[in-house]
Amino acid sequence: MENEKRIKYTTVSIPITLYNRIKKLIENTGFTSVSQYVAYVLREVVAAHEEEKYEEPFTEEDKQKIIEKLRRLGYI
């Protein structure tokens, strides 16, 4: 049963110079590998894009202006 819950991984290639920069960047942090750090960063970026996708297209002020226009036109 435990094996069914394991996360599967794939390989993503990055330039060695970038790998080395990240390796140096994560020294003395809680990250134990470049892969762990890159996965963390990508999760954050993807989550931000997903949140952006579901944001309200109109502000509350926009909604009020639309309602007022519809009211003046007699639709409300």
C-alpha atoms as a PDB file:
ATOM      1  CA  MET A   1       0.000   0.000   0.000  1.00  0.00           C
ATOM      2  CA  GLU A   2       2.789   2.433   0.875  1.00  0.00           C
ATOM      3  CA  ASN A   3       4.275   2.211  -2.645  1.00  0.00           C
ATOM      4  CA  GLU A   4       0.965   3.388  -4.143  1.00  0.00           C
ATOM      5  CA  LYS A   5       1.333   6.746  -2.374  1.00  0.00           C
ATOM      6  CA  ARG A   6       4.838   7.451  -3.664  1.00  0.00           C
ATOM      7  CA  ILE A   7       5.258  10.491  -5.871  1.00  0.00           C
ATOM      8  CA  LYS A   8       6.633   9.809  -9.320  1.00  0.00           C
ATOM      9  CA  TYR A   9       9.358  12.060 -10.719  1.00  0.00           C
ATOM     10  CA  THR A  10      10.746  13.009 -14.094  1.00  0.00           C
ATOM     11  CA  THR A  11      13.945  14.676 -15.213  1.00  0.00           C
ATOM     12  CA  VAL A  12      14.112  18.318 -16.262  1.00  0.00           C
ATOM     13  CA  SER A  13      17.337  19.560 -17.805  1.00  0.00           C
ATOM     14  CA  ILE A  14      18.835  22.898 -16.831  1.00  0.00           C
ATOM     15  CA  PRO A  15      22.181  24.402 -17.803  1.00  0.00           C
ATOM     16  CA  ILE A  16      25.037  23.281 -15.565  1.00  0.00           C
ATOM     17  CA  THR A  17      25.946  26.892 -14.826  1.00  0.00           C
ATOM     18  CA  LEU A  18      22.431  27.458 -13.456  1.00  0.00           C
ATOM     19  CA  TYR A  19      22.604  24.203 -11.486  1.00  0.00           C
ATOM     20  CA  ASN A  20      25.875  25.343  -9.893  1.00  0.00           C
ATOM     21  CA  ARG A  21      24.444  28.764  -9.039  1.00  0.00           C
ATOM     22  CA  ILE A  22      21.430  27.154  -7.360  1.00  0.00           C
ATOM     23  CA  LYS A  23      23.656  24.671  -5.528  1.00  0.00           C
ATOM     24  CA  LYS A  24      25.647  27.562  -4.078  1.00  0.00           C
ATOM     25  CA  LEU A  25      22.470  29.533  -3.318  1.00  0.00           C
ATOM     26  CA  ILE A  26      20.924  26.756  -1.222  1.00  0.00           C
ATOM     27  CA  GLU A  27      24.002  26.132   0.920  1.00  0.00           C
ATOM     28  CA  ASN A  28      23.130  26.401   4.618  1.00  0.00           C
ATOM     29  CA  THR A  29      19.389  26.428   3.927  1.00  0.00           C
ATOM     30  CA  GLY A  30      16.740  23.813   4.596  1.00  0.00           C
ATOM     31  CA  PHE A  31      16.973  22.564   1.026  1.00  0.00           C
ATOM     32  CA  THR A  32      18.866  19.307   0.708  1.00  0.00           C
ATOM     33  CA  SER A  33      19.205  19.280  -3.077  1.00  0.00           C
ATOM     34  CA  VAL A  34      18.946  21.425  -6.172  1.00  0.00           C
ATOM     35  CA  SER A  35      15.989  19.299  -7.297  1.00  0.00           C
ATOM     36  CA  GLN A  36      14.140  19.991  -4.059  1.00  0.00           C
ATOM     37  CA  TYR A  37      14.701  23.751  -4.419  1.00  0.00           C
ATOM     38  CA  VAL A  38      13.719  23.822  -8.102  1.00  0.00           C
ATOM     39  CA  ALA A  39      10.520  21.865  -7.349  1.00  0.00           C
ATOM     40  CA  TYR A  40       9.696  24.355  -4.584  1.00  0.00           C
ATOM     41  CA  VAL A  41      10.235  27.362  -6.854  1.00  0.00           C
ATOM     42  CA  LEU A  42       8.224  25.838  -9.698  1.00  0.00           C
ATOM     43  CA  ARG A  43       5.324  25.013  -7.346  1.00  0.00           C
ATOM     44  CA  GLU A  44       5.269  28.648  -6.220  1.00  0.00           C
ATOM     45  CA  VAL A  45       5.342  29.986  -9.778  1.00  0.00           C
ATOM     46  CA  VAL A  46       2.648  27.601 -11.004  1.00  0.00           C
ATOM     47  CA  ALA A  47       0.430  28.359  -7.998  1.00  0.00           C
ATOM     48  CA  ALA A  48       0.752  32.107  -8.644  1.00  0.00           C
ATOM     49  CA  HIS A  49      -0.270  31.652 -12.271  1.00  0.00           C
ATOM     50  CA  GLU A  50      -3.202  29.447 -11.291  1.00  0.00           C
ATOM     51  CA  GLU A  51      -4.419  32.016  -8.749  1.00  0.00           C
ATOM     52  CA  GLU A  52      -4.121  34.770 -11.339  1.00  0.00           C
ATOM     53  CA  LYS A  53      -6.240  32.730 -13.722  1.00  0.00           C
ATOM     54  CA  TYR A  54      -9.152  32.592 -11.256  1.00  0.00           C
ATOM     55  CA  GLU A  55      -9.122  36.179 -10.046  1.00  0.00           C
ATOM     56  CA  GLU A  56     -12.234  38.259 -10.498  1.00  0.00           C
ATOM     57  CA  PRO A  57     -12.087  40.058 -13.846  1.00  0.00           C
ATOM     58  CA  PHE A  58     -13.829  43.138 -12.393  1.00  0.00           C
ATOM     59  CA  THR A  59     -13.154  45.139  -9.257  1.00  0.00           C
ATOM     60  CA  GLU A  60     -16.005  46.047  -6.932  1.00  0.00           C
ATOM     61  CA  GLU A  61     -15.890  49.580  -8.376  1.00  0.00           C
ATOM     62  CA  ASP A  62     -16.223  48.167 -11.911  1.00  0.00           C
ATOM     63  CA  LYS A  63     -19.255  46.139 -10.842  1.00  0.00           C
ATOM     64  CA  GLN A  64     -20.911  49.202  -9.309  1.00  0.00           C
ATOM     65  CA  LYS A  65     -20.331  51.228 -12.494  1.00  0.00           C
ATOM     66  CA  ILE A  66     -21.840  48.465 -14.615  1.00  0.00           C
ATOM     67  CA  ILE A  67     -24.878  48.184 -12.337  1.00  0.00           C
ATOM     68  CA  GLU A  68     -25.366  51.959 -12.444  1.00  0.00           C
ATOM     69  CA  LYS A  69     -25.156  52.003 -16.264  1.00  0.00           C
ATOM     70  CA  LEU A  70     -27.656  49.162 -16.511  1.00  0.00           C
ATOM     71  CA  ARG A  71     -29.938  51.024 -14.085  1.00  0.00           C
ATOM     72  CA  ARG A  72     -29.746  54.229 -16.166  1.00  0.00           C
ATOM     73  CA  LEU A  73     -30.518  52.242 -19.300  1.00  0.00           C
ATOM     74  CA  GLY A  74     -33.567  50.750 -17.597  1.00  0.00           C
ATOM     75  CA  TYR A  75     -32.385  47.162 -17.467  1.00  0.00           C
ATOM     76  CA  ILE A  76     -32.425  47.087 -13.680  1.00  0.00           C
END
